[in-house]
Amino acid sequence: MLNLANKITLLRILMTPLVVLLLYFEGPTVCKIAALAFIFASVTDWADGYVARRSNMVTSMGKFLDPLADKVLICSVLIMFVQLGWTEAWVVIIMVCRELVVTGLRAIAIDEGIVLAADKFGKAKTILQVFAIVPLTLHYPLWGMDPQPIGQLLLYAALALALISGTNYCYDFYRRTRERKDSGKA
């Protein structure tokens, strides 16, 4: 049965098609609504964790669903930005590939009895992605200024953190599986 924290996480996944659909119908007003829907969906990432920890509702399902919901939301919006021509495909390809590699490594690690916890760079990457997506979603001049350059700059910073954290996950996976193998030989 789903607890409240997991229901909040599922809400983030269910908000994803709405955000993508709103982006499909370009225009200043629709983009503002899409940005608000994205912000709401992003806030559920904090809310589900808060509810889970405060109410002692941390579950295996939640540990699986929470990062999945983040990836579904962020990757979907970034892919839509490529479709709209609002960001470069190579940036999104690297970010999506990083997510796939890290998810795969985590799955293999779990099978080996190893937990690869999120590092500070990965958490910062997610925060920067959210802060980049909002101005990129607005896309149209707002209060006399163009939000695009700010969004692009934040997205490049998130890309750098994605590469750093992805490298850290790979190294940590290699080190921990090597340690496990070496301790098994003794």
N, C-alpha and C. Protein backbone atom coordinates (compact mmCIF):
# COMPACT_ATOMS: atom_id res chain seq x y z
N MET A 1 0.84 -1.19 0.00
CA MET A 1 0.00 0.00 0.00
C MET A 1 0.89 1.25 0.00
N LEU A 2 0.44 2.24 -0.71
CA LEU A 2 1.21 3.49 -0.81
C LEU A 2 0.98 4.37 0.41
N ASN A 3 2.08 4.84 1.00
CA ASN A 3 1.94 5.80 2.09
C ASN A 3 1.88 7.21 1.50
N LEU A 4 1.69 8.20 2.37
CA LEU A 4 1.53 9.58 1.90
C LEU A 4 2.76 10.07 1.15
N ALA A 5 3.95 9.76 1.66
CA ALA A 5 5.18 10.21 1.00
C ALA A 5 5.28 9.66 -0.42
N ASN A 6 4.94 8.38 -0.59
CA ASN A 6 5.00 7.77 -1.92
C ASN A 6 3.92 8.33 -2.84
N LYS A 7 2.78 8.70 -2.30
CA LYS A 7 1.73 9.32 -3.11
C LYS A 7 2.19 10.70 -3.61
N ILE A 8 2.91 11.43 -2.77
CA ILE A 8 3.44 12.73 -3.18
C ILE A 8 4.46 12.53 -4.30
N THR A 9 5.29 11.49 -4.17
CA THR A 9 6.27 11.19 -5.22
C THR A 9 5.57 10.85 -6.53
N LEU A 10 4.52 10.03 -6.45
CA LEU A 10 3.76 9.68 -7.66
C LEU A 10 3.12 10.90 -8.30
N LEU A 11 2.73 11.86 -7.47
CA LEU A 11 2.16 13.10 -8.01
C LEU A 11 3.18 13.80 -8.91
N ARG A 12 4.47 13.77 -8.51
CA ARG A 12 5.53 14.38 -9.33
C ARG A 12 5.60 13.69 -10.69
N ILE A 13 5.51 12.38 -10.70
CA ILE A 13 5.54 11.64 -11.97
C ILE A 13 4.31 12.00 -12.80
N LEU A 14 3.15 12.09 -12.17
CA LEU A 14 1.92 12.41 -12.90
C LEU A 14 1.88 13.86 -13.39
N MET A 15 2.64 14.74 -12.76
CA MET A 15 2.71 16.14 -13.20
C MET A 15 3.55 16.28 -14.47
N THR A 16 4.42 15.33 -14.73
CA THR A 16 5.34 15.42 -15.87
C THR A 16 4.63 15.59 -17.20
N PRO A 17 3.64 14.73 -17.53
CA PRO A 17 2.96 14.92 -18.82
C PRO A 17 2.26 16.29 -18.93
N LEU A 18 1.76 16.80 -17.82
CA LEU A 18 1.11 18.11 -17.84
C LEU A 18 2.12 19.20 -18.20
N VAL A 19 3.30 19.17 -17.57
CA VAL A 19 4.32 20.16 -17.86
C VAL A 19 4.75 20.07 -19.33
N VAL A 20 4.98 18.87 -19.81
CA VAL A 20 5.41 18.67 -21.21
C VAL A 20 4.31 19.14 -22.16
N LEU A 21 3.08 18.81 -21.86
CA LEU A 21 1.96 19.23 -22.71
C LEU A 21 1.85 20.76 -22.75
N LEU A 22 2.00 21.39 -21.62
CA LEU A 22 1.94 22.86 -21.59
C LEU A 22 3.07 23.47 -22.42
N LEU A 23 4.26 22.86 -22.35
CA LEU A 23 5.38 23.37 -23.15
C LEU A 23 5.12 23.22 -24.65
N TYR A 24 4.37 22.19 -25.00
CA TYR A 24 4.06 21.95 -26.41
C TYR A 24 3.27 23.11 -27.01
N PHE A 25 2.40 23.71 -26.20
CA PHE A 25 1.60 24.85 -26.66
C PHE A 25 2.33 26.13 -26.26
N GLU A 26 3.29 26.51 -27.10
CA GLU A 26 4.12 27.67 -26.81
C GLU A 26 3.29 28.94 -26.65
N GLY A 27 3.85 29.86 -25.94
CA GLY A 27 3.25 31.17 -25.74
C GLY A 27 3.58 31.66 -24.35
N PRO A 28 3.69 32.97 -24.17
CA PRO A 28 4.11 33.52 -22.88
C PRO A 28 3.24 33.08 -21.70
N THR A 29 1.94 33.10 -21.86
CA THR A 29 1.05 32.73 -20.76
C THR A 29 1.15 31.25 -20.45
N VAL A 30 1.14 30.43 -21.48
CA VAL A 30 1.22 28.98 -21.28
C VAL A 30 2.56 28.60 -20.65
N CYS A 31 3.63 29.28 -21.06
CA CYS A 31 4.96 28.98 -20.49
C CYS A 31 5.01 29.35 -19.01
N LYS A 32 4.34 30.41 -18.62
CA LYS A 32 4.28 30.77 -17.20
C LYS A 32 3.54 29.70 -16.41
N ILE A 33 2.45 29.20 -16.98
CA ILE A 33 1.70 28.12 -16.32
C ILE A 33 2.56 26.86 -16.25
N ALA A 34 3.29 26.56 -17.33
CA ALA A 34 4.18 25.40 -17.34
C ALA A 34 5.27 25.55 -16.27
N ALA A 35 5.81 26.75 -16.14
CA ALA A 35 6.84 27.00 -15.12
C ALA A 35 6.27 26.78 -13.72
N LEU A 36 5.06 27.28 -13.48
CA LEU A 36 4.42 27.08 -12.18
C LEU A 36 4.15 25.60 -11.91
N ALA A 37 3.69 24.88 -12.93
CA ALA A 37 3.45 23.43 -12.77
C ALA A 37 4.76 22.70 -12.48
N PHE A 38 5.84 23.11 -13.17
CA PHE A 38 7.15 22.50 -12.92
C PHE A 38 7.63 22.80 -11.51
N ILE A 39 7.48 24.04 -11.07
CA ILE A 39 7.88 24.41 -9.71
C ILE A 39 7.10 23.58 -8.69
N PHE A 40 5.78 23.47 -8.89
CA PHE A 40 4.97 22.66 -7.99
C PHE A 40 5.46 21.22 -7.95
N ALA A 41 5.70 20.65 -9.12
CA ALA A 41 6.19 19.27 -9.19
C ALA A 41 7.55 19.14 -8.50
N SER A 42 8.41 20.13 -8.67
CA SER A 42 9.74 20.10 -8.05
C SER A 42 9.65 20.20 -6.53
N VAL A 43 8.72 20.99 -6.03
CA VAL A 43 8.54 21.13 -4.59
C VAL A 43 8.10 19.81 -3.96
N THR A 44 7.42 18.97 -4.72
CA THR A 44 7.02 17.67 -4.17
C THR A 44 8.23 16.80 -3.86
N ASP A 45 9.38 17.09 -4.49
CA ASP A 45 10.60 16.35 -4.17
C ASP A 45 11.02 16.62 -2.73
N TRP A 46 10.94 17.88 -2.32
CA TRP A 46 11.23 18.21 -0.93
C TRP A 46 10.14 17.67 -0.02
N ALA A 47 8.88 17.83 -0.42
CA ALA A 47 7.75 17.45 0.43
C ALA A 47 7.72 15.95 0.71
N ASP A 48 7.96 15.12 -0.31
CA ASP A 48 7.90 13.68 -0.05
C ASP A 48 8.99 13.23 0.92
N GLY A 49 10.19 13.81 0.78
CA GLY A 49 11.28 13.47 1.70
C GLY A 49 10.98 13.94 3.11
N TYR A 50 10.43 15.14 3.23
CA TYR A 50 10.09 15.69 4.54
C TYR A 50 9.04 14.82 5.24
N VAL A 51 7.99 14.47 4.50
CA VAL A 51 6.92 13.64 5.07
C VAL A 51 7.46 12.25 5.45
N ALA A 52 8.27 11.68 4.58
CA ALA A 52 8.81 10.33 4.83
C ALA A 52 9.67 10.31 6.09
N ARG A 53 10.55 11.29 6.24
CA ARG A 53 11.44 11.31 7.40
C ARG A 53 10.70 11.68 8.67
N ARG A 54 9.86 12.69 8.58
CA ARG A 54 9.14 13.18 9.77
C ARG A 54 8.15 12.15 10.30
N SER A 55 7.49 11.43 9.40
CA SER A 55 6.47 10.45 9.80
C SER A 55 7.00 9.02 9.82
N ASN A 56 8.31 8.88 9.69
CA ASN A 56 8.94 7.56 9.66
C ASN A 56 8.30 6.66 8.59
N MET A 57 8.16 7.21 7.38
CA MET A 57 7.56 6.49 6.26
C MET A 57 8.58 6.14 5.19
N VAL A 58 9.85 6.08 5.54
CA VAL A 58 10.88 5.74 4.57
C VAL A 58 10.71 4.27 4.19
N THR A 59 10.51 4.01 2.88
CA THR A 59 10.30 2.65 2.40
C THR A 59 11.22 2.37 1.22
N SER A 60 11.36 1.09 0.92
CA SER A 60 12.15 0.69 -0.25
C SER A 60 11.51 1.26 -1.52
N MET A 61 10.18 1.25 -1.57
CA MET A 61 9.49 1.80 -2.73
C MET A 61 9.80 3.29 -2.88
N GLY A 62 9.80 4.01 -1.78
CA GLY A 62 10.10 5.43 -1.82
C GLY A 62 11.53 5.70 -2.25
N LYS A 63 12.47 4.87 -1.78
CA LYS A 63 13.87 5.02 -2.17
C LYS A 63 14.05 4.78 -3.66
N PHE A 64 13.19 3.95 -4.25
CA PHE A 64 13.23 3.71 -5.69
C PHE A 64 12.49 4.80 -6.45
N LEU A 65 11.27 5.13 -6.00
CA LEU A 65 10.42 6.07 -6.73
C LEU A 65 10.94 7.51 -6.73
N ASP A 66 11.52 7.96 -5.61
CA ASP A 66 11.93 9.37 -5.52
C ASP A 66 12.96 9.76 -6.58
N PRO A 67 14.08 9.04 -6.70
CA PRO A 67 15.02 9.44 -7.76
C PRO A 67 14.45 9.19 -9.16
N LEU A 68 13.60 8.17 -9.30
CA LEU A 68 12.97 7.91 -10.60
C LEU A 68 12.08 9.10 -10.99
N ALA A 69 11.30 9.59 -10.05
CA ALA A 69 10.41 10.72 -10.32
C ALA A 69 11.22 11.95 -10.73
N ASP A 70 12.34 12.18 -10.05
CA ASP A 70 13.20 13.32 -10.43
C ASP A 70 13.68 13.18 -11.86
N LYS A 71 14.15 11.99 -12.21
CA LYS A 71 14.69 11.75 -13.55
C LYS A 71 13.60 11.88 -14.61
N VAL A 72 12.42 11.33 -14.33
CA VAL A 72 11.31 11.41 -15.29
C VAL A 72 10.94 12.87 -15.55
N LEU A 73 10.78 13.63 -14.49
CA LEU A 73 10.39 15.04 -14.64
C LEU A 73 11.46 15.85 -15.36
N ILE A 74 12.67 15.82 -14.86
CA ILE A 74 13.73 16.67 -15.40
C ILE A 74 14.12 16.25 -16.82
N CYS A 75 14.31 14.96 -17.04
CA CYS A 75 14.71 14.50 -18.39
C CYS A 75 13.62 14.79 -19.42
N SER A 76 12.36 14.60 -19.04
CA SER A 76 11.26 14.87 -19.98
C SER A 76 11.22 16.33 -20.40
N VAL A 77 11.38 17.22 -19.43
CA VAL A 77 11.35 18.65 -19.74
C VAL A 77 12.56 19.03 -20.59
N LEU A 78 13.74 18.52 -20.24
CA LEU A 78 14.93 18.84 -21.03
C LEU A 78 14.81 18.33 -22.46
N ILE A 79 14.26 17.14 -22.63
CA ILE A 79 14.06 16.61 -23.99
C ILE A 79 13.07 17.49 -24.76
N MET A 80 12.05 17.96 -24.08
CA MET A 80 11.09 18.86 -24.72
C MET A 80 11.77 20.17 -25.13
N PHE A 81 12.71 20.66 -24.31
CA PHE A 81 13.45 21.87 -24.67
C PHE A 81 14.22 21.68 -25.97
N VAL A 82 14.77 20.50 -26.18
CA VAL A 82 15.49 20.22 -27.44
C VAL A 82 14.51 20.28 -28.59
N GLN A 83 13.34 19.65 -28.43
CA GLN A 83 12.30 19.66 -29.46
C GLN A 83 11.91 21.09 -29.83
N LEU A 84 11.83 21.95 -28.81
CA LEU A 84 11.44 23.35 -29.03
C LEU A 84 12.59 24.22 -29.52
N GLY A 85 13.82 23.68 -29.49
CA GLY A 85 14.98 24.45 -29.88
C GLY A 85 15.45 25.42 -28.80
N TRP A 86 15.10 25.15 -27.55
CA TRP A 86 15.43 26.05 -26.44
C TRP A 86 16.75 25.69 -25.77
N THR A 87 17.31 24.53 -26.09
CA THR A 87 18.63 24.16 -25.58
C THR A 87 19.27 23.18 -26.56
N GLU A 88 20.56 22.99 -26.40
CA GLU A 88 21.31 22.13 -27.32
C GLU A 88 21.10 20.66 -26.97
N ALA A 89 20.97 19.84 -28.00
CA ALA A 89 20.75 18.41 -27.81
C ALA A 89 21.91 17.75 -27.08
N TRP A 90 23.16 18.15 -27.39
CA TRP A 90 24.31 17.48 -26.78
C TRP A 90 24.30 17.62 -25.26
N VAL A 91 23.83 18.74 -24.74
CA VAL A 91 23.76 18.94 -23.29
C VAL A 91 22.78 17.94 -22.68
N VAL A 92 21.62 17.83 -23.29
CA VAL A 92 20.58 16.94 -22.78
C VAL A 92 21.01 15.48 -22.93
N ILE A 93 21.65 15.15 -24.05
CA ILE A 93 22.11 13.77 -24.25
C ILE A 93 23.08 13.37 -23.14
N ILE A 94 24.02 14.23 -22.83
CA ILE A 94 24.99 13.91 -21.76
C ILE A 94 24.27 13.74 -20.42
N MET A 95 23.34 14.64 -20.13
CA MET A 95 22.62 14.55 -18.85
C MET A 95 21.78 13.27 -18.76
N VAL A 96 21.07 12.94 -19.83
CA VAL A 96 20.24 11.74 -19.81
C VAL A 96 21.12 10.49 -19.73
N CYS A 97 22.21 10.46 -20.48
CA CYS A 97 23.12 9.31 -20.41
C CYS A 97 23.71 9.15 -19.02
N ARG A 98 24.07 10.26 -18.39
CA ARG A 98 24.58 10.20 -17.01
C ARG A 98 23.55 9.57 -16.09
N GLU A 99 22.29 9.96 -16.24
CA GLU A 99 21.22 9.40 -15.40
C GLU A 99 21.08 7.89 -15.62
N LEU A 100 21.16 7.47 -16.89
CA LEU A 100 21.04 6.04 -17.19
C LEU A 100 22.22 5.25 -16.62
N VAL A 101 23.42 5.79 -16.75
CA VAL A 101 24.61 5.11 -16.22
C VAL A 101 24.53 4.99 -14.70
N VAL A 102 24.21 6.07 -14.02
CA VAL A 102 24.13 6.05 -12.56
C VAL A 102 23.03 5.10 -12.09
N THR A 103 21.89 5.13 -12.75
CA THR A 103 20.80 4.23 -12.38
C THR A 103 21.22 2.78 -12.58
N GLY A 104 21.90 2.49 -13.68
CA GLY A 104 22.39 1.13 -13.93
C GLY A 104 23.40 0.69 -12.90
N LEU A 105 24.35 1.57 -12.56
CA LEU A 105 25.35 1.24 -11.54
C LEU A 105 24.70 0.98 -10.19
N ARG A 106 23.72 1.79 -9.85
CA ARG A 106 23.02 1.59 -8.57
C ARG A 106 22.30 0.24 -8.54
N ALA A 107 21.70 -0.13 -9.65
CA ALA A 107 20.99 -1.43 -9.72
C ALA A 107 21.98 -2.59 -9.56
N ILE A 108 23.10 -2.51 -10.24
CA ILE A 108 24.12 -3.56 -10.13
C ILE A 108 24.67 -3.59 -8.71
N ALA A 109 24.93 -2.41 -8.14
CA ALA A 109 25.47 -2.33 -6.78
C ALA A 109 24.52 -2.97 -5.77
N ILE A 110 23.23 -2.68 -5.91
CA ILE A 110 22.25 -3.27 -5.00
C ILE A 110 22.29 -4.79 -5.09
N ASP A 111 22.41 -5.29 -6.30
CA ASP A 111 22.49 -6.74 -6.50
C ASP A 111 23.73 -7.31 -5.80
N GLU A 112 24.78 -6.51 -5.69
CA GLU A 112 26.03 -6.93 -5.04
C GLU A 112 26.00 -6.62 -3.54
N GLY A 113 24.90 -6.07 -3.05
CA GLY A 113 24.81 -5.72 -1.63
C GLY A 113 25.50 -4.43 -1.27
N ILE A 114 25.69 -3.57 -2.25
CA ILE A 114 26.37 -2.28 -2.05
C ILE A 114 25.36 -1.16 -2.27
N VAL A 115 25.39 -0.16 -1.39
CA VAL A 115 24.52 1.00 -1.55
C VAL A 115 25.37 2.17 -2.04
N LEU A 116 25.02 2.71 -3.20
CA LEU A 116 25.68 3.90 -3.72
C LEU A 116 24.78 5.09 -3.40
N ALA A 117 25.11 5.77 -2.32
CA ALA A 117 24.29 6.90 -1.88
C ALA A 117 24.54 8.11 -2.77
N ALA A 118 23.53 8.97 -2.84
CA ALA A 118 23.68 10.22 -3.60
C ALA A 118 24.76 11.07 -2.95
N ASP A 119 25.61 11.66 -3.78
CA ASP A 119 26.65 12.52 -3.23
C ASP A 119 26.23 13.98 -3.33
N LYS A 120 27.02 14.86 -2.73
CA LYS A 120 26.66 16.28 -2.69
C LYS A 120 26.62 16.89 -4.09
N PHE A 121 27.47 16.39 -5.00
CA PHE A 121 27.48 16.92 -6.36
C PHE A 121 26.20 16.53 -7.11
N GLY A 122 25.73 15.30 -6.89
CA GLY A 122 24.49 14.85 -7.51
C GLY A 122 23.29 15.64 -7.02
N LYS A 123 23.27 15.90 -5.73
CA LYS A 123 22.17 16.70 -5.16
C LYS A 123 22.21 18.13 -5.68
N ALA A 124 23.41 18.70 -5.73
CA ALA A 124 23.56 20.06 -6.25
C ALA A 124 23.18 20.11 -7.73
N LYS A 125 23.52 19.05 -8.47
CA LYS A 125 23.16 18.97 -9.89
C LYS A 125 21.65 19.05 -10.07
N THR A 126 20.93 18.29 -9.26
CA THR A 126 19.46 18.29 -9.36
C THR A 126 18.90 19.67 -9.05
N ILE A 127 19.42 20.31 -8.02
CA ILE A 127 18.95 21.65 -7.65
C ILE A 127 19.24 22.64 -8.78
N LEU A 128 20.44 22.58 -9.35
CA LEU A 128 20.77 23.47 -10.47
C LEU A 128 19.90 23.20 -11.69
N GLN A 129 19.60 21.93 -11.94
CA GLN A 129 18.72 21.62 -13.07
C GLN A 129 17.36 22.27 -12.88
N VAL A 130 16.82 22.18 -11.68
CA VAL A 130 15.52 22.80 -11.40
C VAL A 130 15.61 24.31 -11.60
N PHE A 131 16.67 24.93 -11.05
CA PHE A 131 16.82 26.37 -11.18
C PHE A 131 17.11 26.79 -12.62
N ALA A 132 17.65 25.91 -13.43
CA ALA A 132 17.88 26.21 -14.85
C ALA A 132 16.59 26.07 -15.65
N ILE A 133 15.81 25.06 -15.32
CA ILE A 133 14.60 24.77 -16.09
C ILE A 133 13.56 25.88 -15.96
N VAL A 134 13.46 26.48 -14.79
CA VAL A 134 12.43 27.52 -14.61
C VAL A 134 12.64 28.68 -15.59
N PRO A 135 13.80 29.34 -15.64
CA PRO A 135 13.94 30.43 -16.62
C PRO A 135 13.90 29.94 -18.07
N LEU A 136 14.38 28.72 -18.31
CA LEU A 136 14.30 28.19 -19.68
C LEU A 136 12.83 27.96 -20.07
N THR A 137 12.02 27.56 -19.11
CA THR A 137 10.59 27.35 -19.38
C THR A 137 9.90 28.67 -19.68
N LEU A 138 10.26 29.71 -18.95
CA LEU A 138 9.63 31.02 -19.17
C LEU A 138 9.92 31.52 -20.58
N HIS A 139 11.13 31.33 -21.05
CA HIS A 139 11.55 31.52 -22.44
C HIS A 139 11.27 32.91 -23.02
N TYR A 140 10.18 33.51 -22.66
CA TYR A 140 9.81 34.81 -23.23
C TYR A 140 10.24 35.92 -22.26
N PRO A 141 10.50 37.12 -22.78
CA PRO A 141 10.92 38.21 -21.89
C PRO A 141 9.94 38.39 -20.73
N LEU A 142 10.53 38.58 -19.57
CA LEU A 142 9.75 38.71 -18.35
C LEU A 142 10.26 39.93 -17.60
N TRP A 143 9.39 40.88 -17.32
CA TRP A 143 9.76 42.12 -16.65
C TRP A 143 10.91 42.81 -17.38
N GLY A 144 10.86 42.77 -18.70
CA GLY A 144 11.85 43.48 -19.51
C GLY A 144 13.18 42.79 -19.66
N MET A 145 13.31 41.56 -19.16
CA MET A 145 14.59 40.86 -19.32
C MET A 145 14.37 39.46 -19.88
N ASP A 146 15.38 38.97 -20.57
CA ASP A 146 15.32 37.64 -21.18
C ASP A 146 15.87 36.61 -20.19
N PRO A 147 15.04 35.66 -19.75
CA PRO A 147 15.50 34.66 -18.78
C PRO A 147 16.39 33.56 -19.39
N GLN A 148 16.43 33.48 -20.72
CA GLN A 148 17.18 32.42 -21.39
C GLN A 148 18.66 32.34 -21.01
N PRO A 149 19.42 33.46 -21.05
CA PRO A 149 20.85 33.35 -20.72
C PRO A 149 21.10 32.83 -19.30
N ILE A 150 20.27 33.24 -18.36
CA ILE A 150 20.40 32.76 -16.98
C ILE A 150 20.15 31.25 -16.94
N GLY A 151 19.09 30.82 -17.60
CA GLY A 151 18.76 29.40 -17.64
C GLY A 151 19.86 28.58 -18.30
N GLN A 152 20.41 29.07 -19.40
CA GLN A 152 21.48 28.34 -20.09
C GLN A 152 22.74 28.25 -19.21
N LEU A 153 23.09 29.34 -18.56
CA LEU A 153 24.26 29.34 -17.68
C LEU A 153 24.08 28.32 -16.56
N LEU A 154 22.91 28.32 -15.94
CA LEU A 154 22.63 27.35 -14.86
C LEU A 154 22.64 25.92 -15.39
N LEU A 155 22.15 25.73 -16.61
CA LEU A 155 22.13 24.39 -17.21
C LEU A 155 23.55 23.88 -17.46
N TYR A 156 24.43 24.77 -17.94
CA TYR A 156 25.84 24.38 -18.14
C TYR A 156 26.51 24.04 -16.80
N ALA A 157 26.18 24.80 -15.76
CA ALA A 157 26.72 24.49 -14.43
C ALA A 157 26.20 23.14 -13.95
N ALA A 158 24.92 22.86 -14.21
CA ALA A 158 24.35 21.56 -13.86
C ALA A 158 25.01 20.44 -14.65
N LEU A 159 25.34 20.71 -15.91
CA LEU A 159 26.04 19.73 -16.74
C LEU A 159 27.41 19.40 -16.14
N ALA A 160 28.13 20.42 -15.71
CA ALA A 160 29.43 20.19 -15.09
C ALA A 160 29.29 19.32 -13.83
N LEU A 161 28.30 19.64 -13.01
CA LEU A 161 28.07 18.84 -11.81
C LEU A 161 27.61 17.42 -12.15
N ALA A 162 26.86 17.28 -13.24
CA ALA A 162 26.43 15.95 -13.68
C ALA A 162 27.65 15.10 -14.04
N LEU A 163 28.61 15.70 -14.73
CA LEU A 163 29.82 14.97 -15.11
C LEU A 163 30.66 14.62 -13.88
N ILE A 164 30.79 15.57 -12.96
CA ILE A 164 31.55 15.31 -11.73
C ILE A 164 30.90 14.21 -10.91
N SER A 165 29.59 14.34 -10.66
CA SER A 165 28.93 13.34 -9.83
C SER A 165 28.86 11.99 -10.53
N GLY A 166 28.68 11.98 -11.85
CA GLY A 166 28.69 10.72 -12.59
C GLY A 166 30.03 10.02 -12.48
N THR A 167 31.10 10.80 -12.58
CA THR A 167 32.44 10.25 -12.41
C THR A 167 32.62 9.70 -10.99
N ASN A 168 32.12 10.44 -10.01
CA ASN A 168 32.20 9.96 -8.62
C ASN A 168 31.46 8.65 -8.43
N TYR A 169 30.26 8.53 -9.01
CA TYR A 169 29.50 7.27 -8.90
C TYR A 169 30.28 6.12 -9.53
N CYS A 170 30.85 6.35 -10.71
CA CYS A 170 31.62 5.30 -11.38
C CYS A 170 32.82 4.88 -10.54
N TYR A 171 33.55 5.87 -10.02
CA TYR A 171 34.72 5.57 -9.20
C TYR A 171 34.31 4.84 -7.93
N ASP A 172 33.25 5.32 -7.25
CA ASP A 172 32.78 4.69 -6.02
C ASP A 172 32.34 3.26 -6.28
N PHE A 173 31.64 3.05 -7.38
CA PHE A 173 31.20 1.70 -7.75
C PHE A 173 32.42 0.79 -7.97
N TYR A 174 33.38 1.28 -8.74
CA TYR A 174 34.58 0.50 -9.01
C TYR A 174 35.33 0.18 -7.72
N ARG A 175 35.54 1.19 -6.88
CA ARG A 175 36.29 1.02 -5.63
C ARG A 175 35.59 0.02 -4.70
N ARG A 176 34.29 0.17 -4.55
CA ARG A 176 33.57 -0.68 -3.60
C ARG A 176 33.44 -2.11 -4.10
N THR A 177 33.25 -2.31 -5.40
CA THR A 177 33.20 -3.68 -5.91
C THR A 177 34.58 -4.32 -5.85
N ARG A 178 35.62 -3.52 -6.06
CA ARG A 178 37.00 -4.03 -5.97
C ARG A 178 37.32 -4.45 -4.53
N GLU A 179 36.94 -3.60 -3.57
CA GLU A 179 37.14 -3.92 -2.14
C GLU A 179 36.42 -5.20 -1.78
N ARG A 180 35.21 -5.33 -2.27
CA ARG A 180 34.40 -6.51 -1.96
C ARG A 180 35.05 -7.77 -2.54
N LYS A 181 35.53 -7.64 -3.78
CA LYS A 181 36.18 -8.76 -4.42
C LYS A 181 37.47 -9.13 -3.69
N ASP A 182 38.27 -8.12 -3.31
CA ASP A 182 39.53 -8.36 -2.61
C ASP A 182 39.30 -8.97 -1.24
N SER A 183 38.25 -8.52 -0.52
CA SER A 183 37.98 -9.09 0.81
C SER A 183 37.45 -10.51 0.71
N GLY A 184 36.88 -10.86 -0.42
CA GLY A 184 36.38 -12.23 -0.64
C GLY A 184 37.50 -13.21 -0.92
N LYS A 185 38.65 -12.71 -1.40
CA LYS A 185 39.79 -13.56 -1.72
C LYS A 185 40.57 -13.92 -0.47
N ALA A 186 40.47 -13.07 0.57
CA ALA A 186 41.29 -13.28 1.78
C ALA A 186 40.84 -14.45 2.60
